[in-house]
Amino acid sequence: MSQLVEFTKDGKVVIPLHLWNQIKEVAEYLYLEELISQRGGSPGVVSLDQLIEEEGLTRDDLES
């Protein structure tokens, strides 16, 4: 069952919850994509070796 967006007499818009959730999901995706593209050329803050060490692993653990 498809619900349509409703416009009230005072100019407000009523959006069904399922449609609003889809809009939010798309907006979050676009926001994250913009952040990634802005920071794509910047150096990483943490190296892979630091992440491995923080997890208590070694590179040999990852390769096996």
PDB file of N, CA and C in Angstrom:
ATOM      1  N   MET A   1       0.849  -1.172   0.000  1.00  0.00           N
ATOM      2  CA  MET A   1       0.000   0.000   0.000  1.00  0.00           C
ATOM      3  C   MET A   1       0.898   1.241   0.000  1.00  0.00           C
ATOM      4  N   SER A   2       0.728   2.086  -0.952  1.00  0.00           N
ATOM      5  CA  SER A   2       1.557   3.270  -1.099  1.00  0.00           C
ATOM      6  C   SER A   2       0.832   4.495  -0.566  1.00  0.00           C
ATOM      7  N   GLN A   3       1.501   5.200   0.346  1.00  0.00           N
ATOM      8  CA  GLN A   3       0.945   6.440   0.871  1.00  0.00           C
ATOM      9  C   GLN A   3       1.643   7.600   0.190  1.00  0.00           C
ATOM     10  N   LEU A   4       0.892   8.614  -0.125  1.00  0.00           N
ATOM     11  CA  LEU A   4       1.451   9.771  -0.799  1.00  0.00           C
ATOM     12  C   LEU A   4       1.783  10.859   0.209  1.00  0.00           C
ATOM     13  N   VAL A   5       2.648  11.747  -0.188  1.00  0.00           N
ATOM     14  CA  VAL A   5       2.966  12.915   0.611  1.00  0.00           C
ATOM     15  C   VAL A   5       1.746  13.830   0.608  1.00  0.00           C
ATOM     16  N   GLU A   6       1.423  14.380   1.775  1.00  0.00           N
ATOM     17  CA  GLU A   6       0.273  15.259   1.878  1.00  0.00           C
ATOM     18  C   GLU A   6       0.732  16.685   2.158  1.00  0.00           C
ATOM     19  N   PHE A   7       0.061  17.636   1.569  1.00  0.00           N
ATOM     20  CA  PHE A   7       0.335  19.045   1.816  1.00  0.00           C
ATOM     21  C   PHE A   7      -0.834  19.615   2.602  1.00  0.00           C
ATOM     22  N   THR A   8      -0.553  20.280   3.709  1.00  0.00           N
ATOM     23  CA  THR A   8      -1.612  20.863   4.519  1.00  0.00           C
ATOM     24  C   THR A   8      -1.908  22.273   4.047  1.00  0.00           C
ATOM     25  N   LYS A   9      -3.006  22.823   4.537  1.00  0.00           N
ATOM     26  CA  LYS A   9      -3.406  24.173   4.124  1.00  0.00           C
ATOM     27  C   LYS A   9      -2.427  25.245   4.589  1.00  0.00           C
ATOM     28  N   ASP A  10      -1.720  24.979   5.686  1.00  0.00           N
ATOM     29  CA  ASP A  10      -0.768  25.974   6.188  1.00  0.00           C
ATOM     30  C   ASP A  10       0.625  25.824   5.581  1.00  0.00           C
ATOM     31  N   GLY A  11       0.749  25.011   4.519  1.00  0.00           N
ATOM     32  CA  GLY A  11       2.011  24.898   3.787  1.00  0.00           C
ATOM     33  C   GLY A  11       2.965  23.844   4.309  1.00  0.00           C
ATOM     34  N   LYS A  12       2.544  23.078   5.304  1.00  0.00           N
ATOM     35  CA  LYS A  12       3.408  22.022   5.826  1.00  0.00           C
ATOM     36  C   LYS A  12       3.237  20.751   5.000  1.00  0.00           C
ATOM     37  N   VAL A  13       4.227  19.880   5.107  1.00  0.00           N
ATOM     38  CA  VAL A  13       4.208  18.629   4.347  1.00  0.00           C
ATOM     39  C   VAL A  13       4.185  17.463   5.326  1.00  0.00           C
ATOM     40  N   VAL A  14       3.315  16.500   5.070  1.00  0.00           N
ATOM     41  CA  VAL A  14       3.243  15.291   5.879  1.00  0.00           C
ATOM     42  C   VAL A  14       3.812  14.150   5.030  1.00  0.00           C
ATOM     43  N   ILE A  15       4.907  13.560   5.534  1.00  0.00           N
ATOM     44  CA  ILE A  15       5.586  12.491   4.807  1.00  0.00           C
ATOM     45  C   ILE A  15       5.396  11.192   5.582  1.00  0.00           C
ATOM     46  N   PRO A  16       4.950  10.124   4.947  1.00  0.00           N
ATOM     47  CA  PRO A  16       4.809   8.840   5.632  1.00  0.00           C
ATOM     48  C   PRO A  16       6.151   8.374   6.210  1.00  0.00           C
ATOM     49  N   LEU A  17       6.102   7.690   7.337  1.00  0.00           N
ATOM     50  CA  LEU A  17       7.311   7.280   8.039  1.00  0.00           C
ATOM     51  C   LEU A  17       8.234   6.435   7.169  1.00  0.00           C
ATOM     52  N   HIS A  18       7.703   5.468   6.420  1.00  0.00           N
ATOM     53  CA  HIS A  18       8.574   4.612   5.595  1.00  0.00           C
ATOM     54  C   HIS A  18       9.298   5.428   4.527  1.00  0.00           C
ATOM     55  N   LEU A  19       8.627   6.435   3.978  1.00  0.00           N
ATOM     56  CA  LEU A  19       9.255   7.295   2.977  1.00  0.00           C
ATOM     57  C   LEU A  19      10.312   8.187   3.627  1.00  0.00           C
ATOM     58  N   TRP A  20      10.011   8.709   4.812  1.00  0.00           N
ATOM     59  CA  TRP A  20      10.964   9.548   5.539  1.00  0.00           C
ATOM     60  C   TRP A  20      12.230   8.756   5.854  1.00  0.00           C
ATOM     61  N   ASN A  21      12.092   7.497   6.263  1.00  0.00           N
ATOM     62  CA  ASN A  21      13.261   6.659   6.562  1.00  0.00           C
ATOM     63  C   ASN A  21      14.111   6.428   5.317  1.00  0.00           C
ATOM     64  N   GLN A  22      13.477   6.271   4.168  1.00  0.00           N
ATOM     65  CA  GLN A  22      14.228   6.116   2.916  1.00  0.00           C
ATOM     66  C   GLN A  22      14.969   7.403   2.557  1.00  0.00           C
ATOM     67  N   ILE A  23      14.324   8.533   2.778  1.00  0.00           N
ATOM     68  CA  ILE A  23      14.958   9.831   2.499  1.00  0.00           C
ATOM     69  C   ILE A  23      16.177  10.011   3.404  1.00  0.00           C
ATOM     70  N   LYS A  24      16.047   9.676   4.674  1.00  0.00           N
ATOM     71  CA  LYS A  24      17.167   9.805   5.610  1.00  0.00           C
ATOM     72  C   LYS A  24      18.323   8.911   5.208  1.00  0.00           C
ATOM     73  N   GLU A  25      18.024   7.695   4.768  1.00  0.00           N
ATOM     74  CA  GLU A  25      19.075   6.773   4.360  1.00  0.00           C
ATOM     75  C   GLU A  25      19.854   7.323   3.161  1.00  0.00           C
ATOM     76  N   VAL A  26      19.162   7.859   2.192  1.00  0.00           N
ATOM     77  CA  VAL A  26      19.823   8.443   1.017  1.00  0.00           C
ATOM     78  C   VAL A  26      20.643   9.654   1.436  1.00  0.00           C
ATOM     79  N   ALA A  27      20.104  10.493   2.316  1.00  0.00           N
ATOM     80  CA  ALA A  27      20.824  11.689   2.773  1.00  0.00           C
ATOM     81  C   ALA A  27      22.104  11.295   3.511  1.00  0.00           C
ATOM     82  N   GLU A  28      22.039  10.267   4.361  1.00  0.00           N
ATOM     83  CA  GLU A  28      23.228   9.803   5.079  1.00  0.00           C
ATOM     84  C   GLU A  28      24.280   9.281   4.104  1.00  0.00           C
ATOM     85  N   TYR A  29      23.849   8.540   3.096  1.00  0.00           N
ATOM     86  CA  TYR A  29      24.770   8.017   2.097  1.00  0.00           C
ATOM     87  C   TYR A  29      25.473   9.164   1.360  1.00  0.00           C
ATOM     88  N   LEU A  30      24.702  10.166   0.941  1.00  0.00           N
ATOM     89  CA  LEU A  30      25.279  11.307   0.225  1.00  0.00           C
ATOM     90  C   LEU A  30      26.243  12.088   1.114  1.00  0.00           C
ATOM     91  N   TYR A  31      25.898  12.243   2.390  1.00  0.00           N
ATOM     92  CA  TYR A  31      26.766  12.944   3.331  1.00  0.00           C
ATOM     93  C   TYR A  31      28.093  12.206   3.488  1.00  0.00           C
ATOM     94  N   LEU A  32      28.025  10.889   3.676  1.00  0.00           N
ATOM     95  CA  LEU A  32      29.252  10.107   3.828  1.00  0.00           C
ATOM     96  C   LEU A  32      30.089  10.111   2.556  1.00  0.00           C
ATOM     97  N   GLU A  33      29.437  10.035   1.413  1.00  0.00           N
ATOM     98  CA  GLU A  33      30.174  10.069   0.148  1.00  0.00           C
ATOM     99  C   GLU A  33      30.910  11.399  -0.019  1.00  0.00           C
ATOM    100  N   GLU A  34      30.285  12.483   0.382  1.00  0.00           N
ATOM    101  CA  GLU A  34      30.931  13.802   0.303  1.00  0.00           C
ATOM    102  C   GLU A  34      32.131  13.869   1.244  1.00  0.00           C
ATOM    103  N   LEU A  35      31.983  13.362   2.474  1.00  0.00           N
ATOM    104  CA  LEU A  35      33.110  13.340   3.409  1.00  0.00           C
ATOM    105  C   LEU A  35      34.279  12.531   2.858  1.00  0.00           C
ATOM    106  N   ILE A  36      33.975  11.380   2.291  1.00  0.00           N
ATOM    107  CA  ILE A  36      35.020  10.519   1.740  1.00  0.00           C
ATOM    108  C   ILE A  36      35.739  11.210   0.588  1.00  0.00           C
ATOM    109  N   SER A  37      34.984  11.870  -0.288  1.00  0.00           N
ATOM    110  CA  SER A  37      35.619  12.538  -1.429  1.00  0.00           C
ATOM    111  C   SER A  37      36.467  13.728  -0.976  1.00  0.00           C
ATOM    112  N   GLN A  38      36.039  14.427   0.074  1.00  0.00           N
ATOM    113  CA  GLN A  38      36.818  15.561   0.582  1.00  0.00           C
ATOM    114  C   GLN A  38      38.126  15.099   1.216  1.00  0.00           C
ATOM    115  N   ARG A  39      38.074  13.977   1.898  1.00  0.00           N
ATOM    116  CA  ARG A  39      39.235  13.503   2.650  1.00  0.00           C
ATOM    117  C   ARG A  39      40.036  12.451   1.899  1.00  0.00           C
ATOM    118  N   GLY A  40      39.658  12.161   0.675  1.00  0.00           N
ATOM    119  CA  GLY A  40      40.300  11.107  -0.092  1.00  0.00           C
ATOM    120  C   GLY A  40      41.789  11.276  -0.267  1.00  0.00           C
ATOM    121  N   GLY A  41      42.258  12.494  -0.413  1.00  0.00           N
ATOM    122  CA  GLY A  41      43.680  12.733  -0.642  1.00  0.00           C
ATOM    123  C   GLY A  41      44.474  12.981   0.619  1.00  0.00           C
ATOM    124  N   SER A  42      43.802  13.072   1.762  1.00  0.00           N
ATOM    125  CA  SER A  42      44.529  13.367   2.991  1.00  0.00           C
ATOM    126  C   SER A  42      45.129  12.097   3.581  1.00  0.00           C
ATOM    127  N   PRO A  43      46.243  12.264   4.288  1.00  0.00           N
ATOM    128  CA  PRO A  43      46.886  11.081   4.868  1.00  0.00           C
ATOM    129  C   PRO A  43      46.031  10.489   5.993  1.00  0.00           C
ATOM    130  N   GLY A  44      46.185   9.193   6.200  1.00  0.00           N
ATOM    131  CA  GLY A  44      45.466   8.526   7.273  1.00  0.00           C
ATOM    132  C   GLY A  44      45.967   8.952   8.635  1.00  0.00           C
ATOM    133  N   VAL A  45      45.104   8.897   9.626  1.00  0.00           N
ATOM    134  CA  VAL A  45      45.476   9.285  10.973  1.00  0.00           C
ATOM    135  C   VAL A  45      46.140   8.124  11.698  1.00  0.00           C
ATOM    136  N   VAL A  46      45.720   6.914  11.386  1.00  0.00           N
ATOM    137  CA  VAL A  46      46.254   5.710  12.027  1.00  0.00           C
ATOM    138  C   VAL A  46      46.738   4.773  10.922  1.00  0.00           C
ATOM    139  N   SER A  47      47.906   4.192  11.140  1.00  0.00           N
ATOM    140  CA  SER A  47      48.434   3.257  10.144  1.00  0.00           C
ATOM    141  C   SER A  47      47.862   1.864  10.378  1.00  0.00           C
ATOM    142  N   LEU A  48      47.959   1.030   9.368  1.00  0.00           N
ATOM    143  CA  LEU A  48      47.503  -0.346   9.481  1.00  0.00           C
ATOM    144  C   LEU A  48      48.254  -1.069  10.592  1.00  0.00           C
ATOM    145  N   ASP A  49      49.564  -0.819  10.701  1.00  0.00           N
ATOM    146  CA  ASP A  49      50.354  -1.465  11.752  1.00  0.00           C
ATOM    147  C   ASP A  49      49.849  -1.075  13.137  1.00  0.00           C
ATOM    148  N   GLN A  50      49.445   0.175  13.311  1.00  0.00           N
ATOM    149  CA  GLN A  50      48.909   0.605  14.604  1.00  0.00           C
ATOM    150  C   GLN A  50      47.583  -0.090  14.914  1.00  0.00           C
ATOM    151  N   LEU A  51      46.734  -0.226  13.902  1.00  0.00           N
ATOM    152  CA  LEU A  51      45.463  -0.912  14.110  1.00  0.00           C
ATOM    153  C   LEU A  51      45.674  -2.374  14.482  1.00  0.00           C
ATOM    154  N   ILE A  52      46.603  -3.034  13.792  1.00  0.00           N
ATOM    155  CA  ILE A  52      46.903  -4.435  14.081  1.00  0.00           C
ATOM    156  C   ILE A  52      47.408  -4.574  15.514  1.00  0.00           C
ATOM    157  N   GLU A  53      48.311  -3.687  15.905  1.00  0.00           N
ATOM    158  CA  GLU A  53      48.881  -3.734  17.245  1.00  0.00           C
ATOM    159  C   GLU A  53      47.807  -3.500  18.316  1.00  0.00           C
ATOM    160  N   GLU A  54      46.901  -2.557  18.069  1.00  0.00           N
ATOM    161  CA  GLU A  54      45.835  -2.271  19.029  1.00  0.00           C
ATOM    162  C   GLU A  54      44.919  -3.477  19.225  1.00  0.00           C
ATOM    163  N   GLU A  55      44.776  -4.296  18.194  1.00  0.00           N
ATOM    164  CA  GLU A  55      43.934  -5.490  18.278  1.00  0.00           C
ATOM    165  C   GLU A  55      44.690  -6.682  18.858  1.00  0.00           C
ATOM    166  N   GLY A  56      45.963  -6.488  19.152  1.00  0.00           N
ATOM    167  CA  GLY A  56      46.758  -7.573  19.731  1.00  0.00           C
ATOM    168  C   GLY A  56      47.139  -8.633  18.710  1.00  0.00           C
ATOM    169  N   LEU A  57      47.246  -8.236  17.448  1.00  0.00           N
ATOM    170  CA  LEU A  57      47.586  -9.171  16.377  1.00  0.00           C
ATOM    171  C   LEU A  57      48.944  -8.820  15.786  1.00  0.00           C
ATOM    172  N   THR A  58      49.414  -9.718  14.922  1.00  0.00           N
ATOM    173  CA  THR A  58      50.613  -9.449  14.131  1.00  0.00           C
ATOM    174  C   THR A  58      50.254  -9.647  12.661  1.00  0.00           C
ATOM    175  N   ARG A  59      51.133  -9.237  11.786  1.00  0.00           N
ATOM    176  CA  ARG A  59      50.883  -9.439  10.353  1.00  0.00           C
ATOM    177  C   ARG A  59      50.837 -10.931  10.030  1.00  0.00           C
ATOM    178  N   ASP A  60      51.614 -11.732  10.744  1.00  0.00           N
ATOM    179  CA  ASP A  60      51.595 -13.196  10.531  1.00  0.00           C
ATOM    180  C   ASP A  60      50.223 -13.755  10.875  1.00  0.00           C
ATOM    181  N   ASP A  61      49.571 -13.220  11.913  1.00  0.00           N
ATOM    182  CA  ASP A  61      48.218 -13.660  12.259  1.00  0.00           C
ATOM    183  C   ASP A  61      47.243 -13.393  11.115  1.00  0.00           C
ATOM    184  N   LEU A  62      47.429 -12.266  10.457  1.00  0.00           N
ATOM    185  CA  LEU A  62      46.526 -11.909   9.356  1.00  0.00           C
ATOM    186  C   LEU A  62      46.748 -12.775   8.123  1.00  0.00           C
ATOM    187  N   GLU A  63      47.979 -13.168   7.897  1.00  0.00           N
ATOM    188  CA  GLU A  63      48.303 -13.955   6.709  1.00  0.00           C
ATOM    189  C   GLU A  63      47.913 -15.417   6.839  1.00  0.00           C
ATOM    190  N   SER A  64      47.751 -15.892   8.068  1.00  0.00           N
ATOM    191  CA  SER A  64      47.417 -17.319   8.245  1.00  0.00           C
ATOM    192  C   SER A  64      45.930 -17.564   8.281  1.00  0.00           C
TER     193      SER A  64
END
